[in-house]
């Protein structure tokens, strides 16, 4: 029997379908509530293929988390050096990227929420850090440059502030459905998203501007 050559393109497409299906399933049901059988049906492949490509369910779940962190970093590092402007302008640029990513990846906030509910049990720390570090590094570089240029307070803890920016964004998207019901804001509308980006940038800029605190 003539051996059929392995087609890398076919494998790449199948892997992409599996990752997309798994992302949706894990985001909806979490790690425990998701089965490989459901993922296989949604991806249009057999469960055996998933085992062949990814091994255990936990391996696939970890891959999903790492892929999302890597894609967030790619979004943040896609730009050139930001033009020197006001602190509010710099923060608006950062927040626009974070919000745009979450709008393009609606599963991300849910995946993060599920994994935090599980106590970070399944996260592969080294892989996730390697995937996330390029984006965080760029954010730190932007803020450290602003500090060196005298735009932001000399006593700003850049690492904590970068974390705060991530937290603000995740909370916005993880709570948007309940907050929409409890307030007059339509947190899902593009207009509201832009309003909150400007609002957060303005409030945060007021807190870290060199004019409001310690200067270099």
N, C-alpha and C. Protein backbone atom coordinates (compact mmCIF):
# COMPACT_ATOMS: atom_id res chain seq x y z
N UNK A 1 0.85 -1.20 0.00
CA UNK A 1 0.00 0.00 0.00
C UNK A 1 0.88 1.24 0.00
N UNK A 2 0.55 2.19 -0.87
CA UNK A 2 1.32 3.41 -0.96
C UNK A 2 1.04 4.31 0.24
N UNK A 3 2.11 4.78 0.88
CA UNK A 3 1.97 5.62 2.06
C UNK A 3 1.55 7.04 1.66
N UNK A 4 0.51 7.56 2.31
CA UNK A 4 0.03 8.91 2.03
C UNK A 4 0.90 9.90 2.79
N UNK A 5 1.46 10.88 2.12
CA UNK A 5 2.33 11.84 2.81
C UNK A 5 1.56 12.67 3.83
N UNK A 6 2.25 13.00 4.91
CA UNK A 6 1.66 13.83 5.96
C UNK A 6 1.54 15.26 5.46
N UNK A 7 0.40 15.84 5.64
CA UNK A 7 0.16 17.19 5.17
C UNK A 7 0.15 18.16 6.34
N UNK A 8 1.19 18.99 6.41
CA UNK A 8 1.30 19.92 7.52
C UNK A 8 0.14 20.91 7.53
N UNK A 9 -0.29 21.34 6.34
CA UNK A 9 -1.37 22.31 6.29
C UNK A 9 -2.65 21.73 6.87
N UNK A 10 -2.95 20.49 6.55
CA UNK A 10 -4.14 19.85 7.10
C UNK A 10 -4.07 19.78 8.61
N UNK A 11 -2.90 19.42 9.12
CA UNK A 11 -2.74 19.35 10.57
C UNK A 11 -2.91 20.73 11.20
N UNK A 12 -2.31 21.75 10.60
CA UNK A 12 -2.42 23.10 11.14
C UNK A 12 -3.87 23.55 11.19
N UNK A 13 -4.62 23.28 10.14
CA UNK A 13 -6.03 23.67 10.10
C UNK A 13 -6.84 22.93 11.16
N UNK A 14 -6.55 21.63 11.31
CA UNK A 14 -7.26 20.84 12.32
C UNK A 14 -6.93 21.34 13.72
N UNK A 15 -5.66 21.62 13.97
CA UNK A 15 -5.27 22.14 15.28
C UNK A 15 -5.97 23.46 15.56
N UNK A 16 -6.05 24.32 14.55
CA UNK A 16 -6.71 25.62 14.72
C UNK A 16 -8.18 25.43 15.07
N UNK A 17 -8.85 24.48 14.41
CA UNK A 17 -10.26 24.21 14.70
C UNK A 17 -10.43 23.68 16.12
N UNK A 18 -9.52 22.81 16.53
CA UNK A 18 -9.59 22.26 17.89
C UNK A 18 -9.39 23.35 18.92
N UNK A 19 -8.40 24.22 18.69
CA UNK A 19 -8.12 25.30 19.64
C UNK A 19 -9.30 26.24 19.74
N UNK A 20 -9.92 26.58 18.61
CA UNK A 20 -11.09 27.45 18.63
C UNK A 20 -12.24 26.81 19.39
N UNK A 21 -12.52 25.56 19.08
CA UNK A 21 -13.61 24.85 19.75
C UNK A 21 -13.34 24.71 21.24
N UNK A 22 -12.11 24.36 21.59
CA UNK A 22 -11.74 24.18 22.99
C UNK A 22 -11.82 25.49 23.75
N UNK A 23 -11.42 26.58 23.11
CA UNK A 23 -11.50 27.90 23.75
C UNK A 23 -12.93 28.22 24.12
N UNK A 24 -13.85 27.99 23.20
CA UNK A 24 -15.26 28.28 23.45
C UNK A 24 -15.83 27.37 24.54
N UNK A 25 -15.49 26.10 24.50
CA UNK A 25 -16.02 25.15 25.49
C UNK A 25 -15.47 25.42 26.88
N UNK A 26 -14.16 25.62 26.99
CA UNK A 26 -13.56 25.88 28.30
C UNK A 26 -14.06 27.21 28.88
N UNK A 27 -14.24 28.20 28.02
CA UNK A 27 -14.74 29.50 28.50
C UNK A 27 -16.16 29.38 29.01
N UNK A 28 -16.96 28.53 28.38
CA UNK A 28 -18.36 28.39 28.77
C UNK A 28 -18.54 27.50 30.00
N UNK A 29 -17.73 26.44 30.10
CA UNK A 29 -17.98 25.43 31.12
C UNK A 29 -16.82 25.22 32.11
N UNK A 30 -15.70 25.86 31.86
CA UNK A 30 -14.55 25.63 32.72
C UNK A 30 -13.88 24.31 32.42
N UNK A 31 -12.78 24.04 33.10
CA UNK A 31 -12.02 22.82 32.84
C UNK A 31 -12.83 21.58 33.21
N UNK A 32 -13.42 21.57 34.39
CA UNK A 32 -14.12 20.38 34.88
C UNK A 32 -15.36 20.07 34.05
N UNK A 33 -16.09 21.09 33.63
CA UNK A 33 -17.33 20.87 32.91
C UNK A 33 -17.18 20.58 31.43
N UNK A 34 -15.97 20.62 30.93
CA UNK A 34 -15.74 20.43 29.49
C UNK A 34 -15.19 19.03 29.23
N UNK A 35 -15.70 18.39 28.19
CA UNK A 35 -15.21 17.07 27.80
C UNK A 35 -14.56 17.14 26.43
N UNK A 36 -13.62 16.25 26.20
CA UNK A 36 -12.99 16.19 24.88
C UNK A 36 -13.99 15.77 23.81
N UNK A 37 -15.01 15.02 24.20
CA UNK A 37 -16.03 14.61 23.23
C UNK A 37 -16.78 15.83 22.69
N UNK A 38 -17.12 16.77 23.58
CA UNK A 38 -17.80 17.99 23.15
C UNK A 38 -16.89 18.83 22.25
N UNK A 39 -15.63 18.93 22.63
CA UNK A 39 -14.68 19.69 21.82
C UNK A 39 -14.53 19.06 20.44
N UNK A 40 -14.43 17.74 20.40
CA UNK A 40 -14.26 17.03 19.13
C UNK A 40 -15.46 17.26 18.21
N UNK A 41 -16.68 17.19 18.78
CA UNK A 41 -17.87 17.43 17.95
C UNK A 41 -17.87 18.84 17.39
N UNK A 42 -17.55 19.81 18.23
CA UNK A 42 -17.55 21.20 17.77
C UNK A 42 -16.46 21.44 16.74
N UNK A 43 -15.31 20.78 16.90
CA UNK A 43 -14.18 20.97 15.98
C UNK A 43 -14.34 20.15 14.70
N UNK A 44 -15.28 19.21 14.69
CA UNK A 44 -15.49 18.37 13.51
C UNK A 44 -14.39 17.35 13.31
N UNK A 45 -13.89 16.80 14.42
CA UNK A 45 -12.86 15.78 14.32
C UNK A 45 -13.13 14.70 15.36
N UNK A 46 -12.31 13.68 15.38
CA UNK A 46 -12.48 12.62 16.37
C UNK A 46 -11.73 12.95 17.65
N UNK A 47 -12.15 12.34 18.75
CA UNK A 47 -11.44 12.53 20.01
C UNK A 47 -10.02 11.97 19.91
N UNK A 48 -9.85 10.95 19.10
CA UNK A 48 -8.52 10.35 18.92
C UNK A 48 -7.54 11.37 18.33
N UNK A 49 -8.03 12.21 17.44
CA UNK A 49 -7.17 13.25 16.86
C UNK A 49 -6.71 14.22 17.94
N UNK A 50 -7.61 14.59 18.84
CA UNK A 50 -7.24 15.51 19.92
C UNK A 50 -6.16 14.88 20.80
N UNK A 51 -6.35 13.61 21.13
CA UNK A 51 -5.34 12.90 21.92
C UNK A 51 -4.00 12.87 21.19
N UNK A 52 -4.06 12.66 19.88
CA UNK A 52 -2.82 12.57 19.10
C UNK A 52 -2.08 13.90 19.08
N UNK A 53 -2.82 14.99 18.94
CA UNK A 53 -2.20 16.31 18.82
C UNK A 53 -1.82 16.93 20.16
N UNK A 54 -2.68 16.69 21.18
CA UNK A 54 -2.48 17.42 22.45
C UNK A 54 -2.32 16.53 23.67
N UNK A 55 -2.64 15.26 23.55
CA UNK A 55 -2.56 14.40 24.72
C UNK A 55 -3.77 14.60 25.61
N UNK A 56 -3.54 14.70 26.91
CA UNK A 56 -4.64 14.81 27.88
C UNK A 56 -5.41 16.13 27.75
N UNK A 57 -6.61 16.15 28.33
CA UNK A 57 -7.43 17.36 28.34
C UNK A 57 -6.69 18.51 29.00
N UNK A 58 -5.95 18.22 30.06
CA UNK A 58 -5.22 19.26 30.77
C UNK A 58 -4.18 19.92 29.87
N UNK A 59 -3.54 19.13 29.02
CA UNK A 59 -2.55 19.70 28.08
C UNK A 59 -3.21 20.68 27.12
N UNK A 60 -4.39 20.31 26.62
CA UNK A 60 -5.11 21.18 25.69
C UNK A 60 -5.55 22.46 26.41
N UNK A 61 -6.04 22.32 27.62
CA UNK A 61 -6.49 23.48 28.39
C UNK A 61 -5.32 24.44 28.64
N UNK A 62 -4.18 23.90 29.03
CA UNK A 62 -3.01 24.74 29.25
C UNK A 62 -2.58 25.43 27.96
N UNK A 63 -2.69 24.71 26.85
CA UNK A 63 -2.34 25.31 25.55
C UNK A 63 -3.26 26.49 25.25
N UNK A 64 -4.56 26.36 25.56
CA UNK A 64 -5.52 27.43 25.32
C UNK A 64 -5.14 28.66 26.12
N UNK A 65 -4.83 28.49 27.39
CA UNK A 65 -4.44 29.62 28.23
C UNK A 65 -3.18 30.29 27.69
N UNK A 66 -2.20 29.49 27.33
CA UNK A 66 -0.94 30.04 26.83
C UNK A 66 -1.14 30.78 25.51
N UNK A 67 -1.95 30.21 24.61
CA UNK A 67 -2.24 30.86 23.33
C UNK A 67 -2.88 32.22 23.55
N UNK A 68 -3.82 32.30 24.48
CA UNK A 68 -4.49 33.57 24.75
C UNK A 68 -3.52 34.61 25.32
N UNK A 69 -2.67 34.19 26.24
CA UNK A 69 -1.68 35.13 26.78
C UNK A 69 -0.72 35.59 25.69
N UNK A 70 -0.33 34.68 24.81
CA UNK A 70 0.58 35.04 23.73
C UNK A 70 -0.07 36.01 22.76
N UNK A 71 -1.35 35.80 22.46
CA UNK A 71 -2.06 36.70 21.54
C UNK A 71 -2.25 38.08 22.15
N UNK A 72 -2.45 38.14 23.46
CA UNK A 72 -2.54 39.44 24.13
C UNK A 72 -1.20 40.17 24.04
N UNK A 73 -0.11 39.46 24.25
CA UNK A 73 1.21 40.07 24.13
C UNK A 73 1.48 40.55 22.71
N UNK A 74 1.03 39.77 21.72
CA UNK A 74 1.21 40.17 20.33
C UNK A 74 0.46 41.47 20.04
N UNK A 75 -0.74 41.60 20.58
CA UNK A 75 -1.51 42.82 20.41
C UNK A 75 -0.77 44.02 21.00
N UNK A 76 -0.17 43.83 22.17
CA UNK A 76 0.50 44.93 22.87
C UNK A 76 1.84 45.31 22.24
N UNK A 77 2.48 44.36 21.58
CA UNK A 77 3.80 44.63 21.00
C UNK A 77 3.75 44.91 19.51
N UNK A 78 2.54 45.06 18.95
CA UNK A 78 2.40 45.24 17.51
C UNK A 78 2.75 46.65 17.05
N UNK A 79 2.83 47.60 17.99
CA UNK A 79 3.06 48.99 17.62
C UNK A 79 4.53 49.37 17.75
N UNK A 80 4.87 50.46 17.11
CA UNK A 80 6.20 51.02 17.30
C UNK A 80 6.27 51.81 18.59
N UNK A 81 7.36 52.52 18.77
CA UNK A 81 7.53 53.35 19.96
C UNK A 81 6.46 54.43 19.99
N UNK A 82 5.70 54.52 21.09
CA UNK A 82 4.64 55.54 21.15
C UNK A 82 5.22 56.94 21.13
N UNK A 83 4.50 57.86 20.49
CA UNK A 83 4.93 59.25 20.46
C UNK A 83 4.80 59.85 21.86
N UNK A 84 5.78 60.66 22.23
CA UNK A 84 5.73 61.30 23.53
C UNK A 84 4.54 62.25 23.57
N UNK A 85 3.67 62.04 24.52
CA UNK A 85 2.50 62.89 24.68
C UNK A 85 2.18 63.03 26.14
N UNK A 86 0.93 63.31 26.44
CA UNK A 86 0.53 63.41 27.83
C UNK A 86 0.44 62.02 28.44
N UNK A 87 0.43 61.97 29.76
CA UNK A 87 0.26 60.71 30.45
C UNK A 87 -1.08 60.08 30.07
N UNK A 88 -2.09 60.92 29.95
CA UNK A 88 -3.41 60.41 29.58
C UNK A 88 -3.40 59.78 28.19
N UNK A 89 -2.66 60.37 27.25
CA UNK A 89 -2.54 59.79 25.91
C UNK A 89 -1.89 58.41 25.95
N UNK A 90 -0.81 58.30 26.74
CA UNK A 90 -0.10 57.03 26.85
C UNK A 90 -1.01 55.96 27.45
N UNK A 91 -1.73 56.32 28.50
CA UNK A 91 -2.62 55.36 29.14
C UNK A 91 -3.79 54.99 28.23
N UNK A 92 -4.27 55.94 27.47
CA UNK A 92 -5.35 55.64 26.52
C UNK A 92 -4.90 54.63 25.49
N UNK A 93 -3.66 54.76 25.02
CA UNK A 93 -3.13 53.81 24.03
C UNK A 93 -3.05 52.41 24.62
N UNK A 94 -2.54 52.32 25.84
CA UNK A 94 -2.44 51.02 26.50
C UNK A 94 -3.81 50.40 26.70
N UNK A 95 -4.74 51.18 27.21
CA UNK A 95 -6.08 50.67 27.50
C UNK A 95 -6.84 50.31 26.23
N UNK A 96 -6.62 51.06 25.15
CA UNK A 96 -7.29 50.72 23.88
C UNK A 96 -6.86 49.33 23.42
N UNK A 97 -5.58 49.02 23.57
CA UNK A 97 -5.10 47.68 23.19
C UNK A 97 -5.72 46.60 24.06
N UNK A 98 -5.74 46.83 25.37
CA UNK A 98 -6.30 45.84 26.29
C UNK A 98 -7.78 45.62 26.04
N UNK A 99 -8.52 46.71 25.84
CA UNK A 99 -9.95 46.58 25.58
C UNK A 99 -10.20 45.93 24.22
N UNK A 100 -9.42 46.33 23.21
CA UNK A 100 -9.60 45.76 21.88
C UNK A 100 -9.36 44.25 21.90
N UNK A 101 -8.35 43.83 22.62
CA UNK A 101 -8.07 42.39 22.71
C UNK A 101 -9.26 41.65 23.30
N UNK A 102 -9.80 42.17 24.39
CA UNK A 102 -10.93 41.50 25.03
C UNK A 102 -12.17 41.50 24.15
N UNK A 103 -12.36 42.55 23.36
CA UNK A 103 -13.48 42.57 22.43
C UNK A 103 -13.30 41.53 21.33
N UNK A 104 -12.06 41.35 20.89
CA UNK A 104 -11.76 40.38 19.83
C UNK A 104 -11.68 38.95 20.38
N UNK A 105 -11.46 38.82 21.68
CA UNK A 105 -11.33 37.50 22.31
C UNK A 105 -12.32 37.43 23.48
N UNK A 106 -13.60 37.31 23.20
CA UNK A 106 -14.61 37.35 24.26
C UNK A 106 -14.48 36.22 25.28
N UNK A 107 -13.76 35.16 24.93
CA UNK A 107 -13.59 34.05 25.86
C UNK A 107 -12.53 34.33 26.92
N UNK A 108 -11.68 35.30 26.69
CA UNK A 108 -10.50 35.49 27.54
C UNK A 108 -10.87 35.74 29.00
N UNK A 109 -11.75 36.71 29.26
CA UNK A 109 -12.11 37.04 30.64
C UNK A 109 -12.72 35.84 31.35
N UNK A 110 -13.51 35.06 30.63
CA UNK A 110 -14.14 33.88 31.24
C UNK A 110 -13.10 32.81 31.53
N UNK A 111 -12.15 32.62 30.62
CA UNK A 111 -11.08 31.64 30.86
C UNK A 111 -10.29 32.00 32.11
N UNK A 112 -9.94 33.28 32.21
CA UNK A 112 -9.18 33.75 33.37
C UNK A 112 -9.99 33.57 34.65
N UNK A 113 -11.28 33.88 34.58
CA UNK A 113 -12.14 33.73 35.75
C UNK A 113 -12.23 32.27 36.21
N UNK A 114 -12.42 31.37 35.25
CA UNK A 114 -12.49 29.95 35.58
C UNK A 114 -11.19 29.47 36.23
N UNK A 115 -10.08 29.89 35.66
CA UNK A 115 -8.80 29.41 36.19
C UNK A 115 -8.52 29.98 37.58
N UNK A 116 -8.97 31.20 37.83
CA UNK A 116 -8.83 31.77 39.17
C UNK A 116 -9.74 31.06 40.16
N UNK A 117 -10.94 30.68 39.74
CA UNK A 117 -11.82 29.91 40.61
C UNK A 117 -11.20 28.57 40.97
N UNK A 118 -10.38 28.04 40.07
CA UNK A 118 -9.70 26.77 40.32
C UNK A 118 -8.39 26.98 41.08
N UNK A 119 -8.12 28.23 41.48
CA UNK A 119 -6.90 28.50 42.23
C UNK A 119 -5.64 28.44 41.39
N UNK A 120 -5.80 28.62 40.07
CA UNK A 120 -4.63 28.56 39.19
C UNK A 120 -4.06 27.16 39.08
N UNK A 121 -4.90 26.17 39.35
CA UNK A 121 -4.45 24.78 39.44
C UNK A 121 -3.82 24.25 38.16
N UNK A 122 -4.34 24.67 37.01
CA UNK A 122 -3.93 24.05 35.76
C UNK A 122 -2.92 24.86 34.96
N UNK A 123 -2.68 26.09 35.36
CA UNK A 123 -1.80 26.97 34.59
C UNK A 123 -0.38 26.43 34.58
N UNK A 124 0.19 26.34 33.40
CA UNK A 124 1.60 25.96 33.28
C UNK A 124 2.40 27.25 33.39
N UNK A 125 2.98 27.48 34.56
CA UNK A 125 3.50 28.79 34.91
C UNK A 125 4.60 29.26 33.96
N UNK A 126 5.57 28.43 33.69
CA UNK A 126 6.70 28.85 32.86
C UNK A 126 6.25 29.21 31.45
N UNK A 127 5.39 28.39 30.87
CA UNK A 127 4.90 28.67 29.51
C UNK A 127 4.05 29.93 29.49
N UNK A 128 3.16 30.08 30.47
CA UNK A 128 2.29 31.24 30.52
C UNK A 128 3.09 32.52 30.71
N UNK A 129 4.09 32.48 31.59
CA UNK A 129 4.92 33.66 31.81
C UNK A 129 5.69 34.04 30.56
N UNK A 130 6.23 33.04 29.88
CA UNK A 130 6.98 33.30 28.65
C UNK A 130 6.08 33.92 27.59
N UNK A 131 4.81 33.47 27.54
CA UNK A 131 3.87 34.01 26.56
C UNK A 131 3.45 35.42 26.90
N UNK A 132 3.29 35.70 28.18
CA UNK A 132 2.78 37.00 28.62
C UNK A 132 3.86 38.06 28.77
N UNK A 133 5.09 37.65 28.98
CA UNK A 133 6.16 38.59 29.31
C UNK A 133 6.42 39.65 28.24
N UNK A 134 6.42 39.33 26.92
CA UNK A 134 6.69 40.39 25.94
C UNK A 134 5.74 41.58 26.04
N UNK A 135 4.45 41.31 26.26
CA UNK A 135 3.49 42.40 26.39
C UNK A 135 3.72 43.21 27.66
N UNK A 136 3.93 42.52 28.78
CA UNK A 136 4.18 43.21 30.04
C UNK A 136 5.47 44.02 29.97
N UNK A 137 6.45 43.47 29.29
CA UNK A 137 7.74 44.17 29.15
C UNK A 137 7.56 45.48 28.39
N UNK A 138 6.73 45.46 27.35
CA UNK A 138 6.50 46.69 26.59
C UNK A 138 5.78 47.73 27.45
N UNK A 139 4.78 47.29 28.22
CA UNK A 139 4.06 48.23 29.07
C UNK A 139 5.00 48.84 30.11
N UNK A 140 5.85 48.01 30.68
CA UNK A 140 6.81 48.54 31.66
C UNK A 140 7.76 49.52 31.01
N UNK A 141 8.18 49.22 29.79
CA UNK A 141 9.11 50.11 29.08
C UNK A 141 8.46 51.46 28.80
N UNK A 142 7.20 51.46 28.38
CA UNK A 142 6.49 52.71 28.11
C UNK A 142 6.42 53.57 29.37
N UNK A 143 6.06 52.94 30.49
CA UNK A 143 5.90 53.69 31.73
C UNK A 143 7.23 54.13 32.32
N UNK A 144 8.25 53.29 32.19
CA UNK A 144 9.57 53.68 32.68
C UNK A 144 10.14 54.85 31.87
N UNK A 145 9.87 54.85 30.56
CA UNK A 145 10.31 55.97 29.74
C UNK A 145 9.58 57.24 30.13
N UNK A 146 8.27 57.12 30.39
CA UNK A 146 7.50 58.28 30.84
C UNK A 146 8.02 58.80 32.17
N UNK A 147 8.43 57.87 33.03
CA UNK A 147 9.01 58.29 34.31
C UNK A 147 10.34 59.01 34.08
N UNK A 148 11.19 58.46 33.20
CA UNK A 148 12.48 59.08 32.91
C UNK A 148 12.32 60.46 32.29
N UNK A 149 11.26 60.65 31.52
CA UNK A 149 10.99 61.95 30.88
C UNK A 149 10.27 62.93 31.80
N UNK A 150 10.03 62.52 33.03
CA UNK A 150 9.39 63.41 33.98
C UNK A 150 7.90 63.56 33.82
N UNK A 151 7.27 62.64 33.09
CA UNK A 151 5.83 62.71 32.88
C UNK A 151 5.05 62.10 34.04
N UNK A 152 5.59 61.05 34.63
CA UNK A 152 4.89 60.39 35.73
C UNK A 152 5.72 60.46 36.99
N UNK A 153 5.07 60.22 38.10
CA UNK A 153 5.71 60.32 39.40
C UNK A 153 6.92 59.42 39.50
N UNK A 154 7.96 59.92 40.12
CA UNK A 154 9.19 59.15 40.29
C UNK A 154 9.00 57.96 41.22
N UNK A 155 8.00 58.05 42.11
CA UNK A 155 7.79 56.97 43.07
C UNK A 155 6.78 55.94 42.57
N UNK A 156 6.37 56.02 41.31
CA UNK A 156 5.41 55.06 40.77
C UNK A 156 6.02 53.66 40.73
N UNK A 157 5.33 52.70 41.28
CA UNK A 157 5.73 51.30 41.17
C UNK A 157 5.16 50.77 39.85
N UNK A 158 6.01 50.72 38.84
CA UNK A 158 5.56 50.38 37.49
C UNK A 158 4.95 48.98 37.44
N UNK A 159 5.55 48.02 38.12
CA UNK A 159 5.04 46.65 38.08
C UNK A 159 3.62 46.58 38.65
N UNK A 160 3.38 47.24 39.76
CA UNK A 160 2.04 47.23 40.35
C UNK A 160 1.06 47.97 39.45
N UNK A 161 1.50 49.03 38.82
CA UNK A 161 0.60 49.81 37.98
C UNK A 161 0.21 49.01 36.73
N UNK A 162 1.16 48.29 36.15
CA UNK A 162 0.85 47.44 35.00
C UNK A 162 -0.18 46.38 35.39
N UNK A 163 -0.02 45.82 36.58
CA UNK A 163 -1.00 44.85 37.07
C UNK A 163 -2.37 45.49 37.21
N UNK A 164 -2.41 46.72 37.71
CA UNK A 164 -3.68 47.42 37.89
C UNK A 164 -4.39 47.63 36.55
N UNK A 165 -3.63 47.95 35.51
CA UNK A 165 -4.22 48.14 34.18
C UNK A 165 -4.86 46.84 33.69
N UNK A 166 -4.17 45.71 33.90
CA UNK A 166 -4.72 44.42 33.50
C UNK A 166 -5.99 44.13 34.29
N UNK A 167 -5.95 44.39 35.60
CA UNK A 167 -7.09 44.08 36.47
C UNK A 167 -8.32 44.89 36.09
N UNK A 168 -8.13 46.17 35.81
CA UNK A 168 -9.25 47.03 35.42
C UNK A 168 -9.95 46.47 34.19
N UNK A 169 -9.16 46.05 33.23
CA UNK A 169 -9.73 45.56 31.97
C UNK A 169 -10.47 44.24 32.17
N UNK A 170 -9.85 43.30 32.87
CA UNK A 170 -10.49 42.00 33.09
C UNK A 170 -11.78 42.16 33.86
N UNK A 171 -11.78 43.02 34.89
CA UNK A 171 -13.00 43.23 35.68
C UNK A 171 -14.11 43.82 34.82
N UNK A 172 -13.76 44.76 33.95
CA UNK A 172 -14.77 45.37 33.07
C UNK A 172 -15.47 44.28 32.26
N UNK A 173 -14.71 43.38 31.67
CA UNK A 173 -15.31 42.39 30.78
C UNK A 173 -15.91 41.21 31.53
N UNK A 174 -15.37 40.86 32.68
CA UNK A 174 -15.93 39.74 33.43
C UNK A 174 -17.22 40.12 34.15
N UNK A 175 -17.40 41.42 34.44
CA UNK A 175 -18.58 41.88 35.17
C UNK A 175 -19.59 42.63 34.29
N UNK A 176 -19.35 42.70 33.00
CA UNK A 176 -20.15 43.60 32.17
C UNK A 176 -21.63 43.21 32.11
N UNK A 177 -21.95 41.94 32.24
CA UNK A 177 -23.35 41.52 32.13
C UNK A 177 -24.13 41.91 33.39
N UNK A 178 -23.59 41.60 34.56
CA UNK A 178 -24.29 41.95 35.79
C UNK A 178 -24.32 43.47 35.99
N UNK A 179 -23.22 44.14 35.68
CA UNK A 179 -23.19 45.60 35.86
C UNK A 179 -24.15 46.30 34.90
N UNK A 180 -24.35 45.73 33.73
CA UNK A 180 -25.32 46.30 32.79
C UNK A 180 -26.72 46.26 33.39
N UNK A 181 -27.01 45.18 34.13
CA UNK A 181 -28.33 45.06 34.75
C UNK A 181 -28.50 45.97 35.95
N UNK A 182 -27.39 46.26 36.63
CA UNK A 182 -27.46 47.02 37.88
C UNK A 182 -27.26 48.52 37.70
N UNK A 183 -26.86 48.94 36.51
CA UNK A 183 -26.59 50.35 36.27
C UNK A 183 -27.30 50.81 35.00
N UNK A 184 -27.09 52.06 34.66
CA UNK A 184 -27.66 52.61 33.42
C UNK A 184 -26.69 52.51 32.25
N UNK A 185 -25.53 51.86 32.45
CA UNK A 185 -24.54 51.76 31.40
C UNK A 185 -24.72 50.49 30.57
N UNK A 186 -24.61 50.61 29.26
CA UNK A 186 -24.60 49.45 28.38
C UNK A 186 -23.14 49.11 28.14
N UNK A 187 -22.59 48.26 29.00
CA UNK A 187 -21.16 47.99 28.98
C UNK A 187 -20.70 47.27 27.71
N UNK A 188 -21.63 46.76 26.94
CA UNK A 188 -21.27 46.06 25.71
C UNK A 188 -21.25 46.97 24.49
N UNK A 189 -21.75 48.18 24.60
CA UNK A 189 -21.80 49.05 23.43
C UNK A 189 -20.45 49.69 23.16
N UNK A 190 -20.08 49.86 21.89
CA UNK A 190 -18.79 50.49 21.54
C UNK A 190 -18.64 51.88 22.15
N UNK A 191 -19.73 52.63 22.21
CA UNK A 191 -19.66 53.98 22.77
C UNK A 191 -19.29 53.95 24.25
N UNK A 192 -19.88 53.01 25.00
CA UNK A 192 -19.56 52.90 26.42
C UNK A 192 -18.13 52.45 26.63
N UNK A 193 -17.67 51.53 25.81
CA UNK A 193 -16.28 51.08 25.91
C UNK A 193 -15.32 52.26 25.75
N UNK A 194 -15.55 53.08 24.75
CA UNK A 194 -14.68 54.23 24.52
C UNK A 194 -14.79 55.25 25.65
N UNK A 195 -15.99 55.42 26.20
CA UNK A 195 -16.17 56.34 27.32
C UNK A 195 -15.37 55.87 28.53
N UNK A 196 -15.38 54.57 28.80
CA UNK A 196 -14.66 54.06 29.96
C UNK A 196 -13.16 54.08 29.74
N UNK A 197 -12.71 53.87 28.51
CA UNK A 197 -11.28 53.98 28.24
C UNK A 197 -10.81 55.39 28.57
N UNK A 198 -11.55 56.39 28.09
CA UNK A 198 -11.19 57.78 28.37
C UNK A 198 -11.27 58.09 29.86
N UNK A 199 -12.31 57.57 30.50
CA UNK A 199 -12.50 57.81 31.93
C UNK A 199 -11.35 57.21 32.74
N UNK A 200 -11.04 55.93 32.49
CA UNK A 200 -9.95 55.28 33.22
C UNK A 200 -8.63 56.00 32.98
N UNK A 201 -8.36 56.35 31.72
CA UNK A 201 -7.10 57.03 31.40
C UNK A 201 -7.00 58.36 32.13
N UNK A 202 -8.10 59.09 32.19
CA UNK A 202 -8.10 60.38 32.86
C UNK A 202 -7.86 60.25 34.36
N UNK A 203 -8.58 59.33 34.98
CA UNK A 203 -8.46 59.14 36.43
C UNK A 203 -7.07 58.63 36.80
N UNK A 204 -6.58 57.65 36.06
CA UNK A 204 -5.27 57.09 36.36
C UNK A 204 -4.15 58.10 36.09
N UNK A 205 -4.30 58.86 35.02
CA UNK A 205 -3.29 59.88 34.71
C UNK A 205 -3.21 60.91 35.83
N UNK A 206 -4.34 61.27 36.37
CA UNK A 206 -4.37 62.23 37.48
C UNK A 206 -3.60 61.68 38.68
N UNK A 207 -3.67 60.38 38.87
CA UNK A 207 -3.01 59.78 40.02
C UNK A 207 -1.52 59.60 39.88
N UNK A 208 -1.02 59.43 38.63
CA UNK A 208 0.40 59.14 38.46
C UNK A 208 1.18 60.27 37.80
N UNK A 209 0.49 61.33 37.38
CA UNK A 209 1.18 62.45 36.73
C UNK A 209 2.22 63.06 37.65
N UNK A 210 3.36 63.42 37.11
CA UNK A 210 4.43 64.04 37.89
C UNK A 210 3.98 65.34 38.52
N UNK A 211 3.02 65.99 37.91
CA UNK A 211 2.52 67.27 38.45
C UNK A 211 1.75 67.05 39.74
N UNK A 212 1.30 65.80 39.98
CA UNK A 212 0.47 65.54 41.15
C UNK A 212 1.25 64.89 42.27
N UNK A 213 2.49 64.47 42.00
CA UNK A 213 3.24 63.76 43.03
C UNK A 213 4.71 64.08 42.98
N UNK A 214 5.52 63.12 43.44
CA UNK A 214 6.95 63.34 43.53
C UNK A 214 7.59 63.43 42.16
N UNK A 215 8.45 64.38 41.93
CA UNK A 215 9.17 64.54 40.68
C UNK A 215 10.54 63.88 40.78
N UNK A 216 11.14 63.62 39.61
CA UNK A 216 12.48 63.03 39.61
C UNK A 216 13.47 64.04 40.16
